[in-house]
Every structure is written in structure tokens, then in C-alpha cells.
Protein backbone atom coordinates (compact mmCIF):
# COMPACT_ATOMS: atom_id res chain seq x y z
CA MET A 1 0.00 0.00 0.00
CA ILE A 2 2.90 2.34 0.68
CA LEU A 3 4.24 1.73 -2.82
CA GLY A 4 0.80 2.27 -4.32
CA ARG A 5 0.30 5.52 -2.40
CA TYR A 6 3.54 7.24 -3.39
CA GLN A 7 4.21 5.87 -6.87
CA GLN A 8 3.32 8.69 -9.26
CA THR A 9 4.88 8.13 -12.68
CA THR A 10 3.26 4.83 -13.71
CA ALA A 11 0.24 2.73 -12.84
CA ARG A 12 0.42 1.46 -9.28
CA PRO A 13 0.91 -2.25 -8.48
CA SER A 14 -2.22 -4.21 -7.61
CA LEU A 15 -3.44 -7.63 -6.49
CA ILE A 16 -5.97 -10.04 -8.00
CA LEU A 17 -7.72 -12.75 -5.99
CA THR A 18 -8.84 -15.52 -8.31
CA GLY A 19 -10.32 -18.97 -7.95
CA PRO A 20 -13.55 -20.96 -8.38
CA ALA A 21 -16.90 -19.83 -7.07
CA ALA A 22 -17.53 -20.12 -3.31
CA ALA A 23 -13.78 -20.31 -2.59
CA GLY A 24 -13.85 -17.38 -0.17
CA LYS A 25 -12.58 -14.61 -2.45
CA THR A 26 -15.10 -11.97 -1.41
CA THR A 27 -14.74 -12.99 2.23
CA ALA A 28 -10.98 -12.51 1.99
CA LEU A 29 -11.43 -9.20 0.14
CA LEU A 30 -13.74 -7.80 2.80
CA HIS A 31 -11.50 -9.01 5.60
CA VAL A 32 -8.53 -7.20 4.07
CA GLY A 33 -10.63 -4.05 3.87
CA ARG A 34 -11.81 -4.42 7.46
CA THR A 35 -8.25 -4.93 8.71
CA CYS A 36 -7.06 -1.84 6.84
CA HIS A 37 -9.97 0.24 8.17
CA LEU A 38 -9.37 -0.83 11.78
CA ALA A 39 -5.64 -0.15 11.48
CA HIS A 40 -6.40 3.36 10.21
CA THR A 41 -8.94 3.93 12.99
CA ARG A 42 -6.39 3.06 15.67
CA THR A 43 -3.78 5.48 14.34
CA ALA A 44 -5.96 8.31 13.02
CA HIS A 45 -5.94 11.67 14.74
CA PRO A 46 -9.18 13.00 16.30
CA LEU A 47 -11.37 14.86 13.84
CA GLY A 48 -11.27 18.61 14.12
CA LYS A 49 -14.06 19.37 11.64
CA PRO A 50 -16.32 17.43 9.23
CA SER A 51 -13.95 18.03 6.33
CA ASP A 52 -11.29 16.03 8.18
CA ILE A 53 -13.23 12.75 7.76
CA GLN A 54 -11.06 10.05 6.23
CA VAL A 55 -12.32 6.96 4.38
CA PRO A 56 -9.33 4.61 4.01
CA VAL A 57 -11.14 1.79 2.17
CA ALA A 58 -13.58 1.72 -0.75
CA TYR A 59 -15.49 -1.33 -2.01
CA VAL A 60 -16.98 -1.42 -5.51
CA LEU A 61 -18.93 -4.23 -7.15
CA VAL A 62 -18.65 -4.41 -10.95
CA PRO A 63 -22.23 -4.49 -12.28
CA PRO A 64 -23.18 -7.00 -15.01
CA GLY A 65 -22.48 -5.65 -18.48
CA ALA A 66 -20.86 -2.59 -16.96
CA THR A 67 -19.99 0.32 -19.17
CA ALA A 68 -17.28 2.75 -18.20
CA LYS A 69 -19.86 5.32 -17.08
CA MET A 70 -21.74 2.71 -15.01
CA LEU A 71 -18.55 1.71 -13.20
CA ALA A 72 -17.60 5.33 -12.59
CA ALA A 73 -21.06 5.85 -11.11
CA GLU A 74 -20.51 2.87 -8.78
CA PHE A 75 -17.31 4.50 -7.51
CA ALA A 76 -19.23 7.74 -6.93
CA ARG A 77 -22.11 5.96 -5.19
CA TYR A 78 -19.84 4.36 -2.60
CA LEU A 79 -18.80 7.74 -1.19
CA GLY A 80 -22.15 9.38 -1.83
CA ILE A 81 -20.79 11.69 -4.51
CA PRO A 82 -23.80 13.39 -6.14
CA ILE A 83 -24.16 12.66 -9.84
CA THR A 84 -26.88 13.35 -12.38
CA ALA A 85 -27.99 11.61 -15.55
CA ARG A 86 -26.70 14.51 -17.61
CA MET A 87 -23.14 14.21 -16.29
CA THR A 88 -20.64 12.72 -18.72
CA GLN A 89 -18.25 9.93 -17.86
CA THR A 90 -15.39 12.41 -17.76
CA GLN A 91 -17.21 14.64 -15.28
CA ILE A 92 -18.03 11.69 -13.01
CA THR A 93 -14.46 10.41 -13.19
CA GLU A 94 -13.05 13.84 -12.31
CA SER A 95 -15.35 14.07 -9.30
CA VAL A 96 -14.47 10.52 -8.19
CA CYS A 97 -10.71 11.01 -8.40
CA HIS A 98 -10.83 14.35 -6.56
CA THR A 99 -13.09 13.05 -3.76
CA TYR A 100 -11.22 9.77 -3.28
CA ASN A 101 -7.91 11.59 -2.91
CA GLN A 102 -9.42 14.24 -0.62
CA THR A 103 -10.96 11.65 1.72
CA GLY A 104 -7.73 9.67 1.92
CA VAL A 105 -8.81 6.41 0.26
CA ARG A 106 -5.78 4.13 0.42
CA LEU A 107 -7.30 0.79 -0.58
CA VAL A 108 -9.82 0.22 -3.38
CA LEU A 109 -11.48 -3.21 -3.50
CA ILE A 110 -13.13 -4.18 -6.80
CA ASP A 111 -15.21 -7.36 -6.74
CA GLU A 112 -16.52 -9.44 -9.68
CA ILE A 113 -13.73 -8.18 -11.94
CA HIS A 114 -14.29 -11.17 -14.27
CA ARG A 115 -17.37 -9.33 -15.58
CA VAL A 116 -15.07 -6.99 -17.49
CA ASN A 117 -14.43 -8.26 -21.03
CA PRO A 118 -11.81 -6.15 -22.84
CA ARG A 119 -12.66 -7.91 -26.14
CA THR A 120 -15.92 -5.98 -26.40
CA THR A 121 -16.21 -2.25 -27.02
CA THR A 122 -17.84 -1.48 -23.66
CA GLY A 123 -15.49 -3.86 -21.87
CA ALA A 124 -12.45 -2.21 -23.41
CA GLU A 125 -13.68 1.22 -22.30
CA THR A 126 -14.30 -0.11 -18.79
CA ALA A 127 -10.79 -1.60 -18.65
CA ASP A 128 -9.36 1.73 -19.77
CA LEU A 129 -11.31 3.50 -17.02
CA ILE A 130 -9.92 1.14 -14.36
CA LYS A 131 -6.39 1.79 -15.62
CA ASP A 132 -7.05 5.54 -15.54
CA LEU A 133 -8.35 5.34 -11.97
CA THR A 134 -5.31 3.36 -10.79
CA GLU A 135 -3.09 6.13 -12.09
CA ARG A 136 -5.07 9.03 -10.67
CA ILE A 137 -6.24 7.72 -7.30
CA GLN A 138 -3.44 7.42 -4.75
CA ALA A 139 -4.44 3.99 -3.55
CA THR A 140 -3.70 0.30 -3.98
CA PHE A 141 -6.27 -1.60 -6.03
CA VAL A 142 -7.23 -5.18 -5.13
CA TYR A 143 -9.49 -7.15 -7.47
CA ALA A 144 -11.43 -10.38 -6.98
CA GLY A 145 -12.98 -12.54 -9.68
CA ILE A 146 -13.79 -16.09 -10.71
CA ASP A 147 -10.96 -17.84 -12.59
CA VAL A 148 -9.71 -14.61 -14.15
CA THR A 149 -6.81 -16.35 -15.90
CA SER A 150 -9.29 -18.27 -18.07
CA THR A 151 -11.36 -15.18 -18.93
CA PRO A 152 -10.65 -12.47 -21.53
CA LEU A 153 -9.52 -10.17 -18.73
CA PHE A 154 -5.85 -10.97 -19.42
CA ALA A 155 -6.26 -11.10 -23.21
CA GLY A 156 -5.02 -8.53 -25.71
CA VAL A 157 -3.08 -5.34 -25.09
CA ARG A 158 -5.24 -4.19 -22.18
CA GLY A 159 -5.07 -7.60 -20.55
CA ALA A 160 -1.29 -7.61 -20.88
CA GLN A 161 -1.13 -4.26 -19.11
CA LEU A 162 -3.19 -5.56 -16.19
CA ALA A 163 -1.24 -8.82 -16.01
CA GLY A 164 2.02 -6.87 -15.95
CA ARG A 165 0.96 -4.76 -12.96
CA ALA A 166 -1.05 -7.19 -10.84
CA SER A 167 0.13 -10.03 -8.62
CA LEU A 168 -2.12 -13.08 -8.70
CA ILE A 169 -3.30 -14.83 -5.54
CA GLU A 170 -4.99 -18.19 -6.06
CA CYS A 171 -7.93 -19.10 -3.83
CA GLY A 172 -9.27 -22.63 -3.84
CA PRO A 173 -11.00 -25.25 -1.71
CA LEU A 174 -9.35 -25.78 1.67
CA PRO A 175 -7.44 -29.07 1.83
CA ALA A 176 -8.11 -31.43 4.70
CA ARG A 177 -4.37 -31.56 5.35
CA LEU A 178 -1.46 -29.40 4.23
CA GLY A 179 1.79 -30.89 5.46
CA ASN A 180 1.53 -31.00 9.23
CA LYS A 181 -1.34 -28.51 9.26
CA HIS A 182 -5.08 -29.11 9.10
CA PRO A 183 -6.51 -25.89 7.60
CA PHE A 184 -10.05 -27.20 7.15
CA THR A 185 -10.26 -28.40 10.75
CA ASP A 186 -8.94 -25.02 11.93
CA THR A 187 -11.63 -23.28 9.90
CA VAL A 188 -14.40 -25.48 11.31
CA THR A 189 -13.11 -24.79 14.83
CA ASP A 190 -13.09 -21.03 14.28
CA LEU A 191 -16.61 -21.10 12.83
CA GLU A 192 -17.86 -23.17 15.75
CA ASN A 193 -16.34 -20.71 18.22
CA ALA A 194 -18.35 -17.94 16.55
CA LEU A 195 -21.68 -19.71 17.14
CA ASP A 196 -24.10 -18.57 19.83
CA LEU A 197 -25.97 -21.76 20.71
CA HIS A 198 -26.78 -22.41 24.37
CA HIS A 199 -26.59 -26.23 24.32
CA HIS A 200 -23.80 -26.66 21.80
CA ARG A 201 -20.69 -28.32 23.21
CA PRO A 202 -17.37 -26.99 21.86
CA GLY A 203 -15.44 -29.54 19.83
CA THR A 204 -18.41 -31.38 18.37
CA LEU A 205 -18.07 -30.00 14.83
CA PRO A 206 -14.29 -30.47 14.52
CA ARG A 207 -14.76 -34.16 15.39
CA HIS A 208 -16.78 -34.47 12.18
CA THR A 209 -14.32 -32.67 9.92
CA THR A 210 -14.23 -35.55 7.42
CA TYR A 211 -18.00 -35.44 6.95
CA LEU A 212 -18.02 -31.65 6.61
CA HIS A 213 -15.13 -31.67 4.13
CA GLN A 214 -16.84 -34.26 1.95
CA ARG A 215 -20.18 -32.47 2.21
CA THR A 216 -18.82 -29.05 1.21
CA ALA A 217 -15.94 -30.11 -1.07
CA GLY A 218 -13.69 -27.92 1.09
CA ARG A 219 -15.29 -24.66 -0.07
CA ILE A 220 -15.64 -21.90 2.49
CA GLY A 221 -18.87 -20.60 0.96
CA SER A 222 -20.58 -23.98 1.22
CA LEU A 223 -19.20 -24.62 4.70
CA THR A 224 -20.37 -21.32 6.19
CA ARG A 225 -23.78 -21.75 4.56
CA LEU A 226 -24.17 -25.24 6.02
CA ILE A 227 -23.22 -24.20 9.56
CA ARG A 228 -25.31 -21.01 9.44
CA GLN A 229 -28.42 -22.85 8.29
CA ALA A 230 -27.90 -25.57 10.90
CA ALA A 231 -27.54 -22.92 13.61
CA ILE A 232 -30.70 -21.14 12.45
CA THR A 233 -32.58 -24.45 12.57
CA ALA A 234 -31.24 -25.16 16.06
CA ILE A 235 -32.43 -21.78 17.34
CA GLY A 236 -35.77 -22.06 15.59
CA ASP A 237 -36.67 -25.48 17.00
CA GLY A 238 -35.29 -24.65 20.45
CA THR A 239 -32.69 -27.45 20.59
CA GLU A 240 -29.78 -24.96 20.58
CA ARG A 241 -27.41 -27.63 19.27
CA ILE A 242 -26.30 -28.76 15.82
CA THR A 243 -27.07 -32.38 14.98
CA LYS A 244 -26.01 -34.51 12.04
CA THR A 245 -29.67 -35.02 11.23
CA ALA A 246 -30.04 -31.25 10.82
CA LEU A 247 -26.91 -31.07 8.66
CA ASP A 248 -28.13 -33.88 6.43
CA ALA A 249 -31.47 -32.13 5.94
CA ILE A 250 -29.88 -28.94 4.63
CA ARG A 251 -29.65 -28.63 0.87
CA LEU A 252 -26.50 -26.85 -0.27
CA ASP A 253 -25.42 -25.37 -3.59
CA HIS A 254 -25.40 -27.61 -6.66
CA HIS A 255 -21.62 -28.04 -6.70
CA ALA A 256 -21.50 -29.20 -3.08
CA GLU A 257 -24.49 -31.50 -3.58
CA THR A 258 -22.90 -33.25 -6.57
CA THR A 259 -19.28 -33.46 -5.39
CA ASN A 260 -17.84 -36.01 -2.95
CA GLN A 261 -21.04 -36.81 -1.13
CA PRO A 262 -20.30 -38.49 2.25
CA ARG A 263 -21.60 -41.91 3.15
CA THR A 264 -24.71 -41.86 5.28
CA GLY A 265 -24.92 -43.59 8.63
CA GLY A 266 -23.34 -43.21 12.02
CA ARG A 267 -24.64 -41.26 14.94
CA ALA A 268 -27.43 -38.85 14.18
CA ASN A 269 -26.49 -36.43 16.89
CA LEU A 270 -23.14 -34.69 17.01
CA THR A 271 -23.50 -34.13 20.74
CA ASP A 272 -23.34 -36.68 23.51
CA GLN A 273 -26.98 -37.41 24.27
CA SER A 274 -26.12 -39.19 27.50
CA SER A 275 -24.36 -36.17 28.92
CA GLN A 276 -26.37 -33.78 31.01
CA HIS A 277 -23.71 -31.08 30.79
CA VAL A 278 -24.99 -27.89 29.20
CA HIS A 279 -22.48 -25.40 27.83
CA ARG A 280 -24.10 -21.98 27.95
CA ARG A 281 -22.54 -19.00 26.25
CA ALA A 282 -23.08 -15.40 27.25
CA PRO A 283 -26.36 -14.20 25.70
CA THR A 284 -24.74 -11.45 23.67
CA MET A 285 -23.35 -11.08 20.20
CA THR A 286 -21.04 -8.60 18.51
CA VAL A 287 -21.63 -7.16 15.05
CA SER A 288 -19.05 -4.64 13.78
CA GLY A 289 -17.80 -4.09 17.30
CA VAL A 290 -21.23 -3.28 18.82
CA THR A 291 -22.56 -5.56 21.54
CA GLU A 292 -26.31 -6.10 21.48
CA PRO A 293 -28.67 -8.14 23.66
CA ARG A 294 -29.58 -11.57 22.34
CA ARG A 295 -32.85 -11.33 20.43
CA ARG A 296 -35.18 -14.22 19.73
CA ALA A 297 -37.99 -14.68 17.23
CA ALA A 298 -37.76 -11.67 14.93
CA ASP A 299 -33.99 -11.66 14.51
CA THR A 300 -33.10 -15.34 14.40
CA VAL A 301 -30.77 -15.02 11.42
CA ALA A 302 -28.67 -12.27 13.00
CA LEU A 303 -28.05 -14.44 16.06
CA CYS A 304 -26.16 -16.99 13.99
CA ARG A 305 -23.99 -14.67 11.99
CA LEU A 306 -20.42 -15.82 11.91
CA ARG A 307 -17.63 -13.33 12.41
CA PRO A 308 -15.78 -12.95 9.07
CA GLU A 309 -12.41 -13.04 10.79
CA ALA A 310 -13.15 -16.58 12.01
CA THR A 311 -12.94 -17.85 8.45
CA ILE A 312 -9.94 -15.80 7.40
CA LYS A 313 -7.72 -16.79 10.33
CA SER A 314 -7.72 -20.38 9.18
CA VAL A 315 -7.26 -19.46 5.52
CA GLU A 316 -4.13 -17.54 6.47
CA ARG A 317 -2.84 -20.53 8.45
CA SER A 318 -3.34 -22.77 5.42
CA GLU A 319 -1.00 -20.75 3.17
CA PRO A 320 2.39 -22.49 2.78
CA SER A 321 5.36 -20.48 3.92
CA ASN A 322 7.89 -19.32 1.36
């Protein structure tokens, strides 16, 4: 980020997160943004006046079939920059670059970058706009997209420019074992620790790592969906514990349902039914640093939200050291 902030003569270096769908790319992207924002918050000076407000991170989602003007409008919308239908792309871009630099944006996250196709006229104009923004906004750009190396994004002259300035980070399904490490088990443990179920005993989900890995094909998106839905079911029916019967009843995405299905059988309940011990967690939850009382009926889904950092900690542990 330091290099991206102070490099002036050429386009700044960037990063691209790529991999199959549901591999955790967006989760990783948002976690990077959250980490950067919190780091800035801890070191920022107290605000003296409203004009001193700093926004260190921006997140932009590339819309389907995006034109250059549409993408410029998405950049403006994130910071609430007023635009009108009569404004030209150049006017919007000028306003975006000025405001982003004035508010101190240091990290720009662009998701769904695979939607940009430089082989088409509109796609080429959009790619040119992104290149222009990287040169004019004093920030580091991080992109995320599905299998970008197999898309037209790196094709042609414009693709060669992007490939020459961006470092590629591959995201894929978590392996059950990586050397002496067990990244998938670590992820399951972190997700379980983020649950708020009164009768759930810690350690029950990690003991069934093999089943969960086969059920989700090692994909973070499928895994978090499975555990979230099981937790919602547990709260809704009042059991407050996740059972294998509940996990089996949940229908996941098509890829997970058709890949490496586990054998059925075994104990139906992940918890020890003979034990009378009840592990009760504090009836509070934290969302974006704000602690709120535990709510029942109307807000069942919010009670089972998993902290995004729980997933990322294990992803970071799974990366092999250089």
C-alpha cells in the first residue's frame, strides 16, 4: 500500500484474488478491507471538523455488463458523490478522483472483476477506465474474480497491461491436510467458536471434519452456509445444538451436492446425548464491534452470523510459507 500511495509516474501495483466460485474470495477481500480500516482507525488523529473525515477503504462491485460510465457511477455511489444523468463519464471520473484523494482512500477493493471483457467495445472502455483510476487515485487496487486467468480479462493489449501490474493470488477449496497442518479443521473450529448456541458443546463439529469436508468439497462458501443454516434451525426449534440429522437435511449449492457426497450412517447427533452437561454461552453477540442483547424470534438469522475473521484466520494458516 505504501508503494501504491507514493508511486506517481506509472500505474500502481495491484493484487488479484482468483479462484472458483464459493472459494472465499469476497470474504478474503472484505476481511482485508476491514483490517485496513481498523488499522487506520487506531492510528488516526481525532477529527477537528467534518472536512477532516477520512475513508481509508472503498469497495466497488462491478455491475453486469458494466460500461465505463456505469462503473464510474458505482465509484461515486460508494462515497455518496452526487451525480446526475446529464453528467458525462469524464465529469463523473473527475469528481471521483478528486473526492477519493481528498478523503484519503488508500485501498480500493473491486469485486466481480471477471465481468469486465476487454474484447468488447464497452469492456475495453471499462478496462481503460480502471487503468485511468489506478493512475489518478493514490491507492492500492485489489481485485477479486472467478478464474480470471481463463477469462478475456488478461487477453489482448489491455489484458497484458493488467497482467504486468497485478500479482495473482490463487484461492481454492481448503485441503483437509497441508503438510503438518489441518486448515479445514482449523476453519471449522473457528466457525464453531463464533456460534451462539446455548446447548452446543465446543469440539463437536471439529470431530466431524471428514464429513463436513466431503459435504462441502472444502469450499468456504458452502461450509459457512451449512453451519449457518444448521444454527438457524437449532435456534428455531429450540434445541440450541447442531445435529447430524439437521446437517443432512440442509440442501446446499449444486456443486457441493454433486461433489464427494459423504456416506450416510453413524450417529445422528453430534453431541453426547447421555451427557447432562450444558455449555451456555453469554447471551450477547457482537456485530461490527457493537454488543447487542440476544434477540429471539424476529432476529433469528442475526443471532447466527459468523464473524468474518473466524474464516480468514484459518485461511491464512493454510498458506504455505515461502
